[in-house]
Amino acid sequence: MADYRFSFGPWNIHEGADPFGPPVRATVEFGQKLGLYRQMGFEGVQFHDDDAVANVEEKSFDQIQKEASAMKKLLDDQGLVAEFVAPRLWETPLGVDGGYTANDPAARRWAIERSKRAIDIANLLGTNLMVLWLAREGTYIRESKNAIEAYHHLRDALNQLLEHSPQIELAIEPKPNEPMDQAYVPTIGHAVAMSYQTCDPRRVGGLIESAHALLAGLDPADEMGFALAHDKLWSVHLNDQNGLKFDQDKSFGSVNLRCAFNQVRMLELGGYAQTGRFVGLDVKAMRTQKVEQAHLHLQNSRAVFLTLVDKVRTFPQEIQQQCVADRNYEALEMAVLEHLLAK
């Protein structure tokens, strides 16, 4: 069987700030973070555009090319690859009302141009995947935008990005809320529907984050199944979530081990490992962790995932098949629980 490939972003080894408090740990230098990847069994690095090229909007293409090429060499020297590049459109005043769906045409043009630069960086880093987290594409009050027009603006933006580079693939990462009160494209169903409206649906897919699905009141495994049924699951961000709160990015399986088991089961059923695409871990260290321990959440999440892969692969299929044939789902549930409890 194919091995899974794992990735995380440098922001997952962070300073411990949360929505209600300041940093509590010292910053870990970027190069030091890269040195931890292989040690912990990770191969892929998730990038925002300005993770690879600082102050990207102030740079000429020649400067972008030089800095991105230097980053590519740094990755090569560490035996790492870039999984994707994502344009960071949510941390600038220009994107306060959204980027692709902003009411201001100038803001929409800015978002598209910055995204084109992110595509250029992706090409220079050797990845053909760009992730679109539509962070501020939505509203605080519904009357502030026309949703029909907003979805048309989004479609037009996707088309311009597809036309900018013939090899780029766009993975939409849906989230129902936060930082916006109500977000456009809140689920993978919306993302898949958007893909079919573009000029090249084959190059538009999705990235599913566990916590985002849970915040929408949905089962992450079912969301993955929907994307896999359309051959559009191009990355996953596994984590966990304790209820309908702020996006917590807790370690994978730390809240609901059964839910985590079913996410792994769905990836196994869909042959995800064979695609060569990455299992991304978007998890944050507990605020209480000291800086020297602020990477263990990644190591732990990967270990839980691999343990659950073994649990899925060793689950007695004959018991499952017999329970289904007998329509005895109580027996099937107990068999799953006993298997997870190693009874």
Protein backbone atom coordinates (compact mmCIF):
# COMPACT_ATOMS: atom_id res chain seq x y z
CA MET A 1 0.00 0.00 0.00
CA ALA A 2 1.11 3.56 -0.70
CA ASP A 3 2.52 5.62 2.15
CA TYR A 4 0.87 8.86 3.19
CA ARG A 5 2.77 12.11 2.75
CA PHE A 6 2.49 14.75 5.45
CA SER A 7 2.75 18.55 5.47
CA PHE A 8 2.29 21.49 7.78
CA GLY A 9 2.73 25.24 7.58
CA PRO A 10 5.34 27.27 9.45
CA TRP A 11 2.47 29.08 11.23
CA ASN A 12 1.68 25.82 13.04
CA ILE A 13 4.80 26.35 15.18
CA HIS A 14 3.69 29.69 16.53
CA GLU A 15 3.94 32.12 19.40
CA GLY A 16 0.84 31.00 21.28
CA ALA A 17 -1.37 34.02 20.66
CA ASP A 18 -5.10 33.30 20.56
CA PRO A 19 -8.22 35.43 19.83
CA PHE A 20 -8.15 36.67 23.41
CA GLY A 21 -4.50 37.10 24.27
CA PRO A 22 -1.00 38.04 23.09
CA PRO A 23 1.96 35.74 22.29
CA VAL A 24 3.35 33.67 25.17
CA ARG A 25 6.32 31.98 23.45
CA ALA A 26 9.43 33.19 21.66
CA THR A 27 9.39 33.13 17.86
CA VAL A 28 11.04 30.08 16.28
CA GLU A 29 13.20 31.13 13.33
CA PHE A 30 11.93 29.96 9.93
CA GLY A 31 15.03 27.95 9.09
CA GLN A 32 14.82 26.16 12.42
CA LYS A 33 11.24 25.21 11.64
CA LEU A 34 12.31 23.74 8.30
CA GLY A 35 14.90 21.66 10.11
CA LEU A 36 12.15 20.03 12.17
CA TYR A 37 10.11 18.78 9.18
CA ARG A 38 12.12 15.71 8.25
CA GLN A 39 12.92 14.92 11.87
CA MET A 40 9.19 14.54 12.56
CA GLY A 41 8.38 12.63 9.35
CA PHE A 42 7.02 15.52 7.29
CA GLU A 43 7.91 16.17 3.68
CA GLY A 44 5.70 19.02 2.46
CA VAL A 45 5.71 22.69 3.43
CA GLN A 46 2.55 24.76 3.20
CA PHE A 47 3.21 28.36 2.19
CA HIS A 48 1.40 31.65 2.14
CA ASP A 49 2.82 33.85 -0.60
CA ASP A 50 4.58 36.09 1.92
CA ASP A 51 6.04 33.10 3.78
CA ALA A 52 8.12 32.50 0.67
CA VAL A 53 8.64 36.12 -0.40
CA ALA A 54 8.34 38.75 2.34
CA ASN A 55 6.52 41.98 1.47
CA VAL A 56 5.52 40.40 -1.81
CA GLU A 57 3.48 43.37 -3.02
CA GLU A 58 6.51 45.66 -2.82
CA LYS A 59 8.70 43.42 -4.99
CA SER A 60 9.32 43.39 -8.73
CA PHE A 61 8.99 40.12 -10.61
CA ASP A 62 12.79 39.86 -10.74
CA GLN A 63 12.97 40.22 -6.96
CA ILE A 64 10.18 37.67 -6.50
CA GLN A 65 11.97 35.27 -8.80
CA LYS A 66 15.25 35.68 -6.92
CA GLU A 67 13.74 35.20 -3.45
CA ALA A 68 11.45 32.33 -4.43
CA SER A 69 14.35 30.56 -6.14
CA ALA A 70 16.40 30.95 -2.95
CA MET A 71 13.54 29.44 -0.95
CA LYS A 72 13.34 26.55 -3.42
CA LYS A 73 17.04 25.84 -2.87
CA LEU A 74 16.53 25.94 0.89
CA LEU A 75 13.74 23.36 0.53
CA ASP A 76 15.87 21.18 -1.74
CA ASP A 77 18.75 21.26 0.75
CA GLN A 78 16.40 20.03 3.48
CA GLY A 79 14.81 17.33 1.29
CA LEU A 80 11.47 19.14 1.36
CA VAL A 81 8.92 20.19 -1.24
CA ALA A 82 6.32 22.94 -1.32
CA GLU A 83 2.81 21.50 -1.11
CA PHE A 84 0.99 24.70 -2.06
CA VAL A 85 1.07 28.48 -2.01
CA ALA A 86 -1.90 30.52 -0.77
CA PRO A 87 -2.36 34.28 -1.31
CA ARG A 88 -2.74 36.04 2.03
CA LEU A 89 -5.58 38.43 1.25
CA TRP A 90 -7.05 38.88 4.71
CA GLU A 91 -4.35 40.84 6.56
CA THR A 92 -4.35 44.10 4.64
CA PRO A 93 -6.76 47.07 4.69
CA LEU A 94 -7.38 46.56 0.96
CA GLY A 95 -9.15 43.29 1.77
CA VAL A 96 -11.27 44.51 4.65
CA ASP A 97 -14.49 44.04 2.63
CA GLY A 98 -13.26 40.90 0.93
CA GLY A 99 -10.96 40.44 -2.04
CA TYR A 100 -12.58 38.67 -4.96
CA THR A 101 -16.09 39.61 -3.76
CA ALA A 102 -15.43 43.14 -2.47
CA ASN A 103 -17.87 45.86 -3.47
CA ASP A 104 -14.97 48.04 -4.61
CA PRO A 105 -13.74 47.07 -8.12
CA ALA A 106 -10.23 48.30 -7.23
CA ALA A 107 -10.11 45.87 -4.29
CA ARG A 108 -11.21 43.02 -6.55
CA ARG A 109 -8.46 43.88 -9.05
CA TRP A 110 -5.90 43.99 -6.23
CA ALA A 111 -6.93 40.55 -4.97
CA ILE A 112 -6.62 39.01 -8.43
CA GLU A 113 -3.23 40.60 -9.10
CA ARG A 114 -1.82 39.47 -5.75
CA SER A 115 -3.16 35.97 -6.42
CA LYS A 116 -1.40 35.95 -9.79
CA ARG A 117 1.84 36.75 -7.99
CA ALA A 118 1.16 33.84 -5.64
CA ILE A 119 0.79 31.59 -8.70
CA ASP A 120 4.15 32.82 -9.98
CA ILE A 121 5.70 31.97 -6.60
CA ALA A 122 4.09 28.51 -6.68
CA ASN A 123 5.58 27.86 -10.10
CA LEU A 124 9.02 28.96 -8.88
CA LEU A 125 8.75 26.72 -5.80
CA GLY A 126 7.85 23.74 -7.97
CA THR A 127 4.23 23.21 -6.97
CA ASN A 128 1.16 23.46 -9.19
CA LEU A 129 -1.29 23.82 -6.30
CA MET A 130 -2.69 27.09 -4.99
CA VAL A 131 -5.04 27.06 -2.01
CA LEU A 132 -7.74 29.69 -1.71
CA TRP A 133 -8.96 30.24 1.83
CA LEU A 134 -11.74 32.75 1.18
CA ALA A 135 -11.31 34.35 4.59
CA ARG A 136 -13.13 37.65 4.05
CA GLU A 137 -15.28 36.64 1.11
CA GLY A 138 -18.59 37.09 2.84
CA THR A 139 -20.50 39.64 4.89
CA TYR A 140 -21.08 40.89 8.40
CA ILE A 141 -24.60 41.88 7.36
CA ARG A 142 -26.35 40.34 4.38
CA GLU A 143 -27.66 43.63 3.02
CA SER A 144 -24.11 44.87 2.36
CA LYS A 145 -23.62 42.66 -0.72
CA ASN A 146 -25.57 40.99 -3.47
CA ALA A 147 -24.69 37.29 -3.11
CA ILE A 148 -25.53 36.58 -6.75
CA GLU A 149 -23.09 39.21 -7.93
CA ALA A 150 -20.52 38.07 -5.36
CA TYR A 151 -20.52 34.52 -6.69
CA HIS A 152 -20.19 35.86 -10.23
CA HIS A 153 -17.20 37.96 -9.13
CA LEU A 154 -15.65 34.87 -7.54
CA ARG A 155 -16.17 32.82 -10.70
CA ASP A 156 -14.57 35.55 -12.79
CA ALA A 157 -11.59 35.70 -10.43
CA LEU A 158 -11.09 31.94 -10.61
CA ASN A 159 -11.16 32.10 -14.39
CA GLN A 160 -8.51 34.82 -14.48
CA LEU A 161 -6.25 32.76 -12.22
CA LEU A 162 -6.71 29.64 -14.34
CA GLU A 163 -5.88 31.63 -17.46
CA HIS A 164 -2.75 33.09 -15.83
CA SER A 165 -1.03 29.70 -15.63
CA PRO A 166 -1.99 26.60 -17.64
CA GLN A 167 -0.66 24.18 -15.02
CA ILE A 168 -2.02 25.72 -11.82
CA GLU A 169 -4.68 23.87 -9.81
CA LEU A 170 -6.92 25.82 -7.43
CA ALA A 171 -8.06 24.16 -4.20
CA ILE A 172 -10.83 26.08 -2.42
CA GLU A 173 -10.74 25.70 1.37
CA PRO A 174 -14.30 26.28 2.63
CA LYS A 175 -15.17 27.67 6.04
CA PRO A 176 -18.63 28.81 7.19
CA ASN A 177 -17.60 31.76 9.37
CA GLU A 178 -14.76 33.51 11.21
CA PRO A 179 -13.40 36.03 10.52
CA MET A 180 -16.55 36.92 8.54
CA ASP A 181 -19.89 36.48 10.24
CA GLN A 182 -21.24 34.61 7.20
CA ALA A 183 -18.89 33.33 4.50
CA TYR A 184 -19.45 32.57 0.86
CA VAL A 185 -18.54 29.00 -0.21
CA PRO A 186 -19.03 27.63 3.33
CA THR A 187 -18.85 23.91 2.47
CA ILE A 188 -17.13 21.59 0.02
CA GLY A 189 -20.43 21.24 -1.86
CA HIS A 190 -20.33 24.95 -2.61
CA ALA A 191 -16.68 24.68 -3.69
CA VAL A 192 -17.37 21.77 -6.04
CA ALA A 193 -20.35 23.61 -7.53
CA MET A 194 -18.13 26.67 -8.11
CA SER A 195 -15.57 24.51 -9.88
CA TYR A 196 -18.09 23.44 -12.50
CA GLN A 197 -18.82 27.09 -13.35
CA THR A 198 -15.21 27.90 -14.23
CA CYS A 199 -13.51 27.79 -17.62
CA ASP A 200 -11.57 24.64 -16.64
CA PRO A 201 -13.38 22.60 -13.96
CA ARG A 202 -10.67 19.93 -14.06
CA ARG A 203 -8.28 22.35 -12.36
CA VAL A 204 -10.54 23.50 -9.52
CA GLY A 205 -11.02 21.30 -6.48
CA GLY A 206 -11.07 21.55 -2.72
CA LEU A 207 -9.18 21.33 0.54
CA ILE A 208 -11.17 20.10 3.53
CA GLU A 209 -10.26 21.13 7.06
CA SER A 210 -11.79 19.01 9.82
CA ALA A 211 -12.64 21.93 12.10
CA HIS A 212 -14.22 23.96 9.30
CA ALA A 213 -16.62 21.13 8.51
CA LEU A 214 -17.45 20.74 12.20
CA LEU A 215 -18.12 24.48 12.49
CA ALA A 216 -20.67 24.07 9.69
CA GLY A 217 -22.36 21.28 11.65
CA LEU A 218 -21.14 18.66 9.16
CA ASP A 219 -19.16 15.44 9.41
CA PRO A 220 -15.64 15.90 7.97
CA ALA A 221 -15.61 12.29 6.72
CA ASP A 222 -18.80 12.84 4.72
CA GLU A 223 -17.40 16.08 3.30
CA MET A 224 -14.30 14.16 2.22
CA GLY A 225 -16.49 11.49 0.67
CA PHE A 226 -18.35 14.07 -1.38
CA ALA A 227 -15.11 15.58 -2.69
CA LEU A 228 -13.64 12.14 -3.43
CA ALA A 229 -16.78 11.17 -5.33
CA HIS A 230 -16.07 14.13 -7.64
CA ASP A 231 -12.30 13.46 -7.74
CA LYS A 232 -11.76 16.89 -6.18
CA LEU A 233 -10.13 16.23 -2.81
CA TRP A 234 -6.72 17.80 -3.37
CA SER A 235 -5.60 18.28 0.22
CA VAL A 236 -6.85 17.87 3.77
CA HIS A 237 -6.11 19.85 6.91
CA LEU A 238 -6.69 17.49 9.79
CA ASN A 239 -7.31 18.81 13.30
CA ASP A 240 -10.09 18.73 15.88
CA GLN A 241 -12.68 21.07 17.31
CA ASN A 242 -14.41 21.18 20.68
CA GLY A 243 -17.90 22.35 19.74
CA LEU A 244 -19.16 25.37 17.81
CA LYS A 245 -16.57 27.80 19.12
CA PHE A 246 -13.78 29.77 17.48
CA ASP A 247 -11.58 27.76 15.10
CA GLN A 248 -9.45 25.88 17.64
CA ASP A 249 -7.11 23.75 15.47
CA LYS A 250 -6.73 21.17 18.22
CA SER A 251 -4.54 18.10 17.71
CA PHE A 252 -6.08 15.50 15.41
CA GLY A 253 -8.26 13.02 17.28
CA SER A 254 -7.88 14.82 20.61
CA VAL A 255 -11.61 15.60 20.97
CA ASN A 256 -13.46 12.95 18.97
CA LEU A 257 -11.43 9.84 18.19
CA ARG A 258 -14.37 8.15 16.43
CA CYS A 259 -14.73 11.12 14.10
CA ALA A 260 -10.99 11.00 13.41
CA PHE A 261 -11.21 7.26 12.70
CA ASN A 262 -13.90 7.87 10.11
CA GLN A 263 -11.89 10.60 8.39
CA VAL A 264 -8.99 8.20 8.01
CA ARG A 265 -11.39 5.47 6.88
CA MET A 266 -12.75 7.76 4.16
CA LEU A 267 -9.25 8.59 2.92
CA GLU A 268 -8.52 4.86 2.81
CA LEU A 269 -11.75 4.09 0.94
CA GLY A 270 -10.95 6.82 -1.57
CA GLY A 271 -7.39 5.65 -2.20
CA TYR A 272 -6.10 9.06 -1.17
CA ALA A 273 -2.56 7.88 -0.38
CA GLN A 274 -2.19 6.54 -3.92
CA THR A 275 -2.82 10.01 -5.37
CA GLY A 276 0.42 11.31 -3.84
CA ARG A 277 -1.40 14.31 -2.41
CA PHE A 278 -0.58 15.44 1.10
CA VAL A 279 -2.20 14.96 4.48
CA GLY A 280 -1.82 18.42 5.95
CA LEU A 281 -1.97 18.97 9.68
CA ASP A 282 -3.31 22.40 10.61
CA VAL A 283 -2.96 22.20 14.37
CA LYS A 284 -1.85 24.64 17.03
CA ALA A 285 0.11 23.96 20.19
CA MET A 286 -1.71 24.54 23.45
CA ARG A 287 -1.17 28.04 24.73
CA THR A 288 0.42 26.61 27.88
CA GLN A 289 3.25 24.82 26.02
CA LYS A 290 6.82 26.08 26.40
CA VAL A 291 8.69 26.93 23.21
CA GLU A 292 10.80 23.76 23.34
CA GLN A 293 7.56 21.70 23.37
CA ALA A 294 5.70 23.74 20.76
CA HIS A 295 6.11 21.15 17.99
CA LEU A 296 4.72 18.11 19.82
CA HIS A 297 1.15 18.75 18.63
CA LEU A 298 2.32 18.07 15.06
CA GLN A 299 4.24 14.96 16.03
CA ASN A 300 1.30 13.69 18.09
CA SER A 301 -1.26 14.35 15.34
CA ARG A 302 0.81 12.43 12.79
CA ALA A 303 1.20 9.53 15.24
CA VAL A 304 -2.56 9.42 15.88
CA PHE A 305 -3.25 9.46 12.13
CA LEU A 306 -0.89 6.54 11.46
CA THR A 307 -2.33 4.57 14.38
CA LEU A 308 -5.81 5.09 12.95
CA VAL A 309 -4.61 4.00 9.49
CA ASP A 310 -3.63 0.70 11.11
CA LYS A 311 -6.99 0.54 12.90
CA VAL A 312 -8.85 1.05 9.62
CA ARG A 313 -6.76 -1.51 7.74
CA THR A 314 -7.10 -4.16 10.45
CA PHE A 315 -10.83 -3.75 11.09
CA PRO A 316 -12.42 -7.17 10.44
CA GLN A 317 -14.25 -6.69 7.14
CA GLU A 318 -16.14 -9.95 7.51
CA ILE A 319 -17.79 -8.63 10.68
CA GLN A 320 -18.73 -5.40 8.96
CA GLN A 321 -20.15 -7.23 5.96
CA GLN A 322 -22.16 -9.61 8.14
CA CYS A 323 -23.56 -6.79 10.28
CA VAL A 324 -24.58 -4.88 7.17
CA ALA A 325 -26.16 -7.98 5.64
CA ASP A 326 -28.09 -8.60 8.88
CA ARG A 327 -28.91 -4.88 9.22
CA ASN A 328 -27.53 -5.16 12.72
CA TYR A 329 -25.97 -1.75 13.13
CA GLU A 330 -25.84 -1.99 16.95
CA ALA A 331 -23.47 -4.92 16.54
CA LEU A 332 -21.44 -2.99 13.96
CA GLU A 333 -21.14 0.00 16.27
CA MET A 334 -19.93 -2.18 19.11
CA ALA A 335 -17.42 -3.86 16.83
CA VAL A 336 -16.01 -0.44 15.88
CA LEU A 337 -15.82 0.65 19.52
CA GLU A 338 -14.16 -2.58 20.63
CA HIS A 339 -11.65 -2.28 17.78
CA LEU A 340 -10.80 1.30 18.77
CA LEU A 341 -10.48 0.22 22.40
CA ALA A 342 -8.27 -2.72 21.35
CA LYS A 343 -10.56 -5.11 23.20
